[in-house]
């Protein structure tokens, strides 16, 4: 995965990594859950991203996105 990310540029940051790197789900996710998790991660790793902005972009409340972050075990570097 890292090797693939390096081929895309000189600097590898969170945007170059697959969403599953940021998830810590304890069970196998359904396809819909995987898509949802990947979209949440995509929004959260954008430069200058906030949970409020990610929630607005995804059309969900801030409380829902926090619940989904917990549900999927999402850990984004630089965010508690």
PDB file of N, CA and C in Angstrom:
ATOM      1  N   UNK A   1       0.817  -1.171   0.000  1.00  0.00           N
ATOM      2  CA  UNK A   1       0.000   0.000   0.000  1.00  0.00           C
ATOM      3  C   UNK A   1       0.878   1.258   0.000  1.00  0.00           C
ATOM      4  N   UNK A   2       1.879   1.279   0.846  1.00  0.00           N
ATOM      5  CA  UNK A   2       2.771   2.439   0.907  1.00  0.00           C
ATOM      6  C   UNK A   2       3.549   2.579  -0.396  1.00  0.00           C
ATOM      7  N   UNK A   3       3.997   1.455  -0.933  1.00  0.00           N
ATOM      8  CA  UNK A   3       4.729   1.482  -2.201  1.00  0.00           C
ATOM      9  C   UNK A   3       3.868   2.115  -3.291  1.00  0.00           C
ATOM     10  N   UNK A   4       2.599   1.751  -3.333  1.00  0.00           N
ATOM     11  CA  UNK A   4       1.676   2.320  -4.313  1.00  0.00           C
ATOM     12  C   UNK A   4       1.506   3.820  -4.082  1.00  0.00           C
ATOM     13  N   UNK A   5       1.405   4.233  -2.817  1.00  0.00           N
ATOM     14  CA  UNK A   5       1.243   5.652  -2.501  1.00  0.00           C
ATOM     15  C   UNK A   5       2.473   6.456  -2.926  1.00  0.00           C
ATOM     16  N   UNK A   6       3.649   5.876  -2.752  1.00  0.00           N
ATOM     17  CA  UNK A   6       4.891   6.568  -3.115  1.00  0.00           C
ATOM     18  C   UNK A   6       4.964   6.813  -4.618  1.00  0.00           C
ATOM     19  N   UNK A   7       4.401   5.932  -5.410  1.00  0.00           N
ATOM     20  CA  UNK A   7       4.453   6.112  -6.865  1.00  0.00           C
ATOM     21  C   UNK A   7       3.615   7.296  -7.318  1.00  0.00           C
ATOM     22  N   UNK A   8       2.718   7.782  -6.455  1.00  0.00           N
ATOM     23  CA  UNK A   8       1.855   8.915  -6.809  1.00  0.00           C
ATOM     24  C   UNK A   8       2.479  10.269  -6.510  1.00  0.00           C
ATOM     25  N   UNK A   9       3.596  10.293  -5.811  1.00  0.00           N
ATOM     26  CA  UNK A   9       4.231  11.573  -5.514  1.00  0.00           C
ATOM     27  C   UNK A   9       5.411  11.412  -4.587  1.00  0.00           C
ATOM     28  N   UNK A  10       6.083  12.532  -4.335  1.00  0.00           N
ATOM     29  CA  UNK A  10       7.268  12.522  -3.485  1.00  0.00           C
ATOM     30  C   UNK A  10       6.923  12.437  -2.003  1.00  0.00           C
ATOM     31  N   UNK A  11       5.758  12.964  -1.631  1.00  0.00           N
ATOM     32  CA  UNK A  11       5.355  12.984  -0.226  1.00  0.00           C
ATOM     33  C   UNK A  11       4.123  12.110  -0.055  1.00  0.00           C
ATOM     34  N   UNK A  12       4.167  11.263   0.941  1.00  0.00           N
ATOM     35  CA  UNK A  12       3.017  10.413   1.241  1.00  0.00           C
ATOM     36  C   UNK A  12       2.363  10.962   2.498  1.00  0.00           C
ATOM     37  N   UNK A  13       1.075  11.302   2.379  1.00  0.00           N
ATOM     38  CA  UNK A  13       0.337  11.717   3.559  1.00  0.00           C
ATOM     39  C   UNK A  13      -0.958  10.925   3.634  1.00  0.00           C
ATOM     40  N   UNK A  14      -1.801  11.265   4.575  1.00  0.00           N
ATOM     41  CA  UNK A  14      -3.015  10.489   4.835  1.00  0.00           C
ATOM     42  C   UNK A  14      -3.899  10.342   3.608  1.00  0.00           C
ATOM     43  N   UNK A  15      -3.917  11.338   2.737  1.00  0.00           N
ATOM     44  CA  UNK A  15      -4.775  11.281   1.553  1.00  0.00           C
ATOM     45  C   UNK A  15      -4.367  10.179   0.576  1.00  0.00           C
ATOM     46  N   UNK A  16      -3.133   9.706   0.673  1.00  0.00           N
ATOM     47  CA  UNK A  16      -2.634   8.689  -0.242  1.00  0.00           C
ATOM     48  C   UNK A  16      -2.888   7.260   0.246  1.00  0.00           C
ATOM     49  N   UNK A  17      -3.344   7.122   1.471  1.00  0.00           N
ATOM     50  CA  UNK A  17      -3.531   5.792   2.049  1.00  0.00           C
ATOM     51  C   UNK A  17      -4.975   5.331   1.920  1.00  0.00           C
ATOM     52  N   UNK A  18      -5.164   4.043   1.877  1.00  0.00           N
ATOM     53  CA  UNK A  18      -6.511   3.470   1.786  1.00  0.00           C
ATOM     54  C   UNK A  18      -7.271   3.714   3.082  1.00  0.00           C
ATOM     55  N   UNK A  19      -8.578   3.862   2.975  1.00  0.00           N
ATOM     56  CA  UNK A  19      -9.420   4.174   4.132  1.00  0.00           C
ATOM     57  C   UNK A  19      -9.328   3.117   5.225  1.00  0.00           C
ATOM     58  N   UNK A  20      -9.132   1.859   4.854  1.00  0.00           N
ATOM     59  CA  UNK A  20      -9.083   0.817   5.880  1.00  0.00           C
ATOM     60  C   UNK A  20      -7.920   0.978   6.843  1.00  0.00           C
ATOM     61  N   UNK A  21      -6.907   1.747   6.453  1.00  0.00           N
ATOM     62  CA  UNK A  21      -5.785   2.033   7.346  1.00  0.00           C
ATOM     63  C   UNK A  21      -6.265   2.806   8.572  1.00  0.00           C
ATOM     64  N   UNK A  22      -7.315   3.605   8.407  1.00  0.00           N
ATOM     65  CA  UNK A  22      -7.808   4.459   9.477  1.00  0.00           C
ATOM     66  C   UNK A  22      -8.914   3.807  10.291  1.00  0.00           C
ATOM     67  N   UNK A  23      -9.382   2.646   9.877  1.00  0.00           N
ATOM     68  CA  UNK A  23     -10.481   1.981  10.569  1.00  0.00           C
ATOM     69  C   UNK A  23      -9.996   0.869  11.466  1.00  0.00           C
ATOM     70  N   UNK A  24     -10.732   0.665  12.525  1.00  0.00           N
ATOM     71  CA  UNK A  24     -10.395  -0.405  13.448  1.00  0.00           C
ATOM     72  C   UNK A  24     -11.612  -1.261  13.745  1.00  0.00           C
ATOM     73  N   UNK A  25     -12.430  -1.501  12.730  1.00  0.00           N
ATOM     74  CA  UNK A  25     -13.646  -2.286  12.926  1.00  0.00           C
ATOM     75  C   UNK A  25     -13.300  -3.660  13.466  1.00  0.00           C
ATOM     76  N   UNK A  26     -14.118  -4.122  14.396  1.00  0.00           N
ATOM     77  CA  UNK A  26     -13.864  -5.419  15.014  1.00  0.00           C
ATOM     78  C   UNK A  26     -14.592  -6.551  14.303  1.00  0.00           C
ATOM     79  N   UNK A  27     -15.341  -6.213  13.276  1.00  0.00           N
ATOM     80  CA  UNK A  27     -16.053  -7.219  12.502  1.00  0.00           C
ATOM     81  C   UNK A  27     -15.936  -6.870  11.024  1.00  0.00           C
ATOM     82  N   UNK A  28     -16.286  -7.817  10.193  1.00  0.00           N
ATOM     83  CA  UNK A  28     -16.253  -7.579   8.743  1.00  0.00           C
ATOM     84  C   UNK A  28     -17.402  -6.647   8.373  1.00  0.00           C
ATOM     85  N   UNK A  29     -17.085  -5.591   7.621  1.00  0.00           N
ATOM     86  CA  UNK A  29     -18.097  -4.614   7.237  1.00  0.00           C
ATOM     87  C   UNK A  29     -18.825  -5.053   5.972  1.00  0.00           C
ATOM     88  N   UNK A  30     -20.103  -4.667   5.872  1.00  0.00           N
ATOM     89  CA  UNK A  30     -20.848  -4.903   4.643  1.00  0.00           C
ATOM     90  C   UNK A  30     -20.325  -3.939   3.584  1.00  0.00           C
ATOM     91  N   UNK A  31     -20.730  -4.146   2.348  1.00  0.00           N
ATOM     92  CA  UNK A  31     -20.281  -3.237   1.281  1.00  0.00           C
ATOM     93  C   UNK A  31     -20.731  -1.807   1.547  1.00  0.00           C
ATOM     94  N   UNK A  32     -21.970  -1.648   1.988  1.00  0.00           N
ATOM     95  CA  UNK A  32     -22.496  -0.310   2.281  1.00  0.00           C
ATOM     96  C   UNK A  32     -21.711   0.334   3.417  1.00  0.00           C
ATOM     97  N   UNK A  33     -21.427  -0.414   4.466  1.00  0.00           N
ATOM     98  CA  UNK A  33     -20.656   0.115   5.587  1.00  0.00           C
ATOM     99  C   UNK A  33     -19.248   0.500   5.146  1.00  0.00           C
ATOM    100  N   UNK A  34     -18.654  -0.296   4.284  1.00  0.00           N
ATOM    101  CA  UNK A  34     -17.315   0.010   3.776  1.00  0.00           C
ATOM    102  C   UNK A  34     -17.321   1.307   2.995  1.00  0.00           C
ATOM    103  N   UNK A  35     -18.321   1.494   2.154  1.00  0.00           N
ATOM    104  CA  UNK A  35     -18.434   2.734   1.381  1.00  0.00           C
ATOM    105  C   UNK A  35     -18.632   3.917   2.320  1.00  0.00           C
ATOM    106  N   UNK A  36     -19.506   3.754   3.302  1.00  0.00           N
ATOM    107  CA  UNK A  36     -19.763   4.830   4.258  1.00  0.00           C
ATOM    108  C   UNK A  36     -18.500   5.186   5.031  1.00  0.00           C
ATOM    109  N   UNK A  37     -17.786   4.169   5.536  1.00  0.00           N
ATOM    110  CA  UNK A  37     -16.538   4.405   6.259  1.00  0.00           C
ATOM    111  C   UNK A  37     -15.515   5.118   5.382  1.00  0.00           C
ATOM    112  N   UNK A  38     -15.373   4.659   4.141  1.00  0.00           N
ATOM    113  CA  UNK A  38     -14.407   5.263   3.225  1.00  0.00           C
ATOM    114  C   UNK A  38     -14.733   6.728   2.951  1.00  0.00           C
ATOM    115  N   UNK A  39     -16.010   7.054   2.812  1.00  0.00           N
ATOM    116  CA  UNK A  39     -16.411   8.441   2.561  1.00  0.00           C
ATOM    117  C   UNK A  39     -16.168   9.323   3.779  1.00  0.00           C
ATOM    118  N   UNK A  40     -16.428   8.796   4.962  1.00  0.00           N
ATOM    119  CA  UNK A  40     -16.149   9.557   6.184  1.00  0.00           C
ATOM    120  C   UNK A  40     -14.658   9.831   6.284  1.00  0.00           C
ATOM    121  N   UNK A  41     -13.848   8.807   6.064  1.00  0.00           N
ATOM    122  CA  UNK A  41     -12.394   8.982   6.115  1.00  0.00           C
ATOM    123  C   UNK A  41     -11.940   9.986   5.059  1.00  0.00           C
ATOM    124  N   UNK A  42     -12.461   9.870   3.833  1.00  0.00           N
ATOM    125  CA  UNK A  42     -12.082  10.786   2.757  1.00  0.00           C
ATOM    126  C   UNK A  42     -12.336  12.230   3.176  1.00  0.00           C
ATOM    127  N   UNK A  43     -13.472  12.492   3.793  1.00  0.00           N
ATOM    128  CA  UNK A  43     -13.803  13.850   4.217  1.00  0.00           C
ATOM    129  C   UNK A  43     -12.916  14.319   5.371  1.00  0.00           C
ATOM    130  N   UNK A  44     -12.575  13.408   6.268  1.00  0.00           N
ATOM    131  CA  UNK A  44     -11.796  13.785   7.443  1.00  0.00           C
ATOM    132  C   UNK A  44     -10.311  13.990   7.166  1.00  0.00           C
ATOM    133  N   UNK A  45      -9.791  13.407   6.080  1.00  0.00           N
ATOM    134  CA  UNK A  45      -8.358  13.553   5.827  1.00  0.00           C
ATOM    135  C   UNK A  45      -8.049  14.678   4.840  1.00  0.00           C
ATOM    136  N   UNK A  46      -9.071  15.364   4.359  1.00  0.00           N
ATOM    137  CA  UNK A  46      -8.824  16.505   3.485  1.00  0.00           C
ATOM    138  C   UNK A  46      -8.123  17.601   4.287  1.00  0.00           C
ATOM    139  N   UNK A  47      -7.238  18.351   3.656  1.00  0.00           N
ATOM    140  CA  UNK A  47      -6.552  19.435   4.368  1.00  0.00           C
ATOM    141  C   UNK A  47      -7.569  20.414   4.963  1.00  0.00           C
ATOM    142  N   UNK A  48      -7.394  20.744   6.233  1.00  0.00           N
ATOM    143  CA  UNK A  48      -8.272  21.691   6.912  1.00  0.00           C
ATOM    144  C   UNK A  48      -9.635  21.122   7.273  1.00  0.00           C
ATOM    145  N   UNK A  49      -9.778  19.809   7.202  1.00  0.00           N
ATOM    146  CA  UNK A  49     -11.066  19.181   7.472  1.00  0.00           C
ATOM    147  C   UNK A  49     -11.463  19.324   8.933  1.00  0.00           C
ATOM    148  N   UNK A  50     -12.761  19.450   9.145  1.00  0.00           N
ATOM    149  CA  UNK A  50     -13.331  19.425  10.487  1.00  0.00           C
ATOM    150  C   UNK A  50     -14.485  18.428  10.469  1.00  0.00           C
ATOM    151  N   UNK A  51     -14.881  17.988  11.638  1.00  0.00           N
ATOM    152  CA  UNK A  51     -16.012  17.067  11.724  1.00  0.00           C
ATOM    153  C   UNK A  51     -17.273  17.773  11.224  1.00  0.00           C
ATOM    154  N   UNK A  52     -17.424  19.045  11.561  1.00  0.00           N
ATOM    155  CA  UNK A  52     -18.599  19.800  11.089  1.00  0.00           C
ATOM    156  C   UNK A  52     -18.649  19.842   9.564  1.00  0.00           C
ATOM    157  N   UNK A  53     -17.531  20.134   8.943  1.00  0.00           N
ATOM    158  CA  UNK A  53     -17.478  20.209   7.479  1.00  0.00           C
ATOM    159  C   UNK A  53     -17.729  18.836   6.846  1.00  0.00           C
ATOM    160  N   UNK A  54     -17.144  17.796   7.429  1.00  0.00           N
ATOM    161  CA  UNK A  54     -17.357  16.441   6.920  1.00  0.00           C
ATOM    162  C   UNK A  54     -18.829  16.054   7.037  1.00  0.00           C
ATOM    163  N   UNK A  55     -19.443  16.366   8.167  1.00  0.00           N
ATOM    164  CA  UNK A  55     -20.857  16.046   8.367  1.00  0.00           C
ATOM    165  C   UNK A  55     -21.722  16.768   7.333  1.00  0.00           C
ATOM    166  N   UNK A  56     -21.434  18.037   7.108  1.00  0.00           N
ATOM    167  CA  UNK A  56     -22.210  18.805   6.125  1.00  0.00           C
ATOM    168  C   UNK A  56     -22.035  18.231   4.723  1.00  0.00           C
ATOM    169  N   UNK A  57     -20.801  17.892   4.363  1.00  0.00           N
ATOM    170  CA  UNK A  57     -20.545  17.344   3.030  1.00  0.00           C
ATOM    171  C   UNK A  57     -21.247  16.003   2.826  1.00  0.00           C
ATOM    172  N   UNK A  58     -21.340  15.222   3.897  1.00  0.00           N
ATOM    173  CA  UNK A  58     -21.957  13.903   3.801  1.00  0.00           C
ATOM    174  C   UNK A  58     -23.462  13.922   4.057  1.00  0.00           C
ATOM    175  N   UNK A  59     -23.983  15.074   4.453  1.00  0.00           N
ATOM    176  CA  UNK A  59     -25.421  15.184   4.688  1.00  0.00           C
ATOM    177  C   UNK A  59     -25.889  14.478   5.943  1.00  0.00           C
ATOM    178  N   UNK A  60     -25.040  14.482   6.971  1.00  0.00           N
ATOM    179  CA  UNK A  60     -25.442  13.871   8.240  1.00  0.00           C
ATOM    180  C   UNK A  60     -25.140  14.839   9.366  1.00  0.00           C
ATOM    181  N   UNK A  61     -25.756  14.601  10.506  1.00  0.00           N
ATOM    182  CA  UNK A  61     -25.519  15.482  11.649  1.00  0.00           C
ATOM    183  C   UNK A  61     -24.136  15.213  12.239  1.00  0.00           C
ATOM    184  N   UNK A  62     -23.681  16.171  13.030  1.00  0.00           N
ATOM    185  CA  UNK A  62     -22.391  16.017  13.694  1.00  0.00           C
ATOM    186  C   UNK A  62     -22.433  14.835  14.667  1.00  0.00           C
ATOM    187  N   UNK A  63     -23.558  14.675  15.367  1.00  0.00           N
ATOM    188  CA  UNK A  63     -23.699  13.551  16.303  1.00  0.00           C
ATOM    189  C   UNK A  63     -23.616  12.214  15.565  1.00  0.00           C
ATOM    190  N   UNK A  64     -24.232  12.150  14.396  1.00  0.00           N
ATOM    191  CA  UNK A  64     -24.200  10.909  13.610  1.00  0.00           C
ATOM    192  C   UNK A  64     -22.787  10.594  13.152  1.00  0.00           C
ATOM    193  N   UNK A  65     -22.066  11.605  12.682  1.00  0.00           N
ATOM    194  CA  UNK A  65     -20.706  11.322  12.202  1.00  0.00           C
ATOM    195  C   UNK A  65     -19.812  10.888  13.357  1.00  0.00           C
ATOM    196  N   UNK A  66     -19.990  11.473  14.546  1.00  0.00           N
ATOM    197  CA  UNK A  66     -19.211  11.022  15.701  1.00  0.00           C
ATOM    198  C   UNK A  66     -19.560   9.569  16.041  1.00  0.00           C
ATOM    199  N   UNK A  67     -20.838   9.217  15.963  1.00  0.00           N
ATOM    200  CA  UNK A  67     -21.261   7.843  16.230  1.00  0.00           C
ATOM    201  C   UNK A  67     -20.653   6.889  15.217  1.00  0.00           C
ATOM    202  N   UNK A  68     -20.639   7.279  13.944  1.00  0.00           N
ATOM    203  CA  UNK A  68     -20.067   6.436  12.882  1.00  0.00           C
ATOM    204  C   UNK A  68     -18.556   6.299  13.051  1.00  0.00           C
ATOM    205  N   UNK A  69     -17.885   7.375  13.444  1.00  0.00           N
ATOM    206  CA  UNK A  69     -16.438   7.325  13.693  1.00  0.00           C
ATOM    207  C   UNK A  69     -16.154   6.282  14.774  1.00  0.00           C
ATOM    208  N   UNK A  70     -16.949   6.299  15.825  1.00  0.00           N
ATOM    209  CA  UNK A  70     -16.784   5.326  16.906  1.00  0.00           C
ATOM    210  C   UNK A  70     -17.132   3.922  16.432  1.00  0.00           C
ATOM    211  N   UNK A  71     -18.241   3.790  15.710  1.00  0.00           N
ATOM    212  CA  UNK A  71     -18.706   2.487  15.221  1.00  0.00           C
ATOM    213  C   UNK A  71     -17.675   1.812  14.331  1.00  0.00           C
ATOM    214  N   UNK A  72     -17.049   2.581  13.449  1.00  0.00           N
ATOM    215  CA  UNK A  72     -16.080   2.022  12.517  1.00  0.00           C
ATOM    216  C   UNK A  72     -14.652   2.041  13.048  1.00  0.00           C
ATOM    217  N   UNK A  73     -14.461   2.593  14.242  1.00  0.00           N
ATOM    218  CA  UNK A  73     -13.124   2.646  14.829  1.00  0.00           C
ATOM    219  C   UNK A  73     -12.170   3.517  14.039  1.00  0.00           C
ATOM    220  N   UNK A  74     -12.681   4.587  13.454  1.00  0.00           N
ATOM    221  CA  UNK A  74     -11.867   5.463  12.608  1.00  0.00           C
ATOM    222  C   UNK A  74     -10.905   6.264  13.468  1.00  0.00           C
ATOM    223  N   UNK A  75      -9.647   6.225  13.103  1.00  0.00           N
ATOM    224  CA  UNK A  75      -8.603   7.005  13.790  1.00  0.00           C
ATOM    225  C   UNK A  75      -7.834   7.763  12.720  1.00  0.00           C
ATOM    226  N   UNK A  76      -7.949   9.079  12.746  1.00  0.00           N
ATOM    227  CA  UNK A  76      -7.249   9.916  11.783  1.00  0.00           C
ATOM    228  C   UNK A  76      -6.101  10.602  12.513  1.00  0.00           C
ATOM    229  N   UNK A  77      -4.882  10.476  12.014  1.00  0.00           N
ATOM    230  CA  UNK A  77      -3.728  11.116  12.668  1.00  0.00           C
ATOM    231  C   UNK A  77      -3.990  12.606  12.871  1.00  0.00           C
ATOM    232  N   UNK A  78      -3.629  13.092  14.070  1.00  0.00           N
ATOM    233  CA  UNK A  78      -3.819  14.504  14.376  1.00  0.00           C
ATOM    234  C   UNK A  78      -5.195  14.817  14.936  1.00  0.00           C
ATOM    235  N   UNK A  79      -6.033  13.804  15.060  1.00  0.00           N
ATOM    236  CA  UNK A  79      -7.377  13.969  15.656  1.00  0.00           C
ATOM    237  C   UNK A  79      -7.469  13.006  16.821  1.00  0.00           C
ATOM    238  N   UNK A  80      -7.430  13.555  18.039  1.00  0.00           N
ATOM    239  CA  UNK A  80      -7.573  12.789  19.279  1.00  0.00           C
ATOM    240  C   UNK A  80      -7.756  11.396  19.175  1.00  0.00           C
TER     241      UNK A  80
END
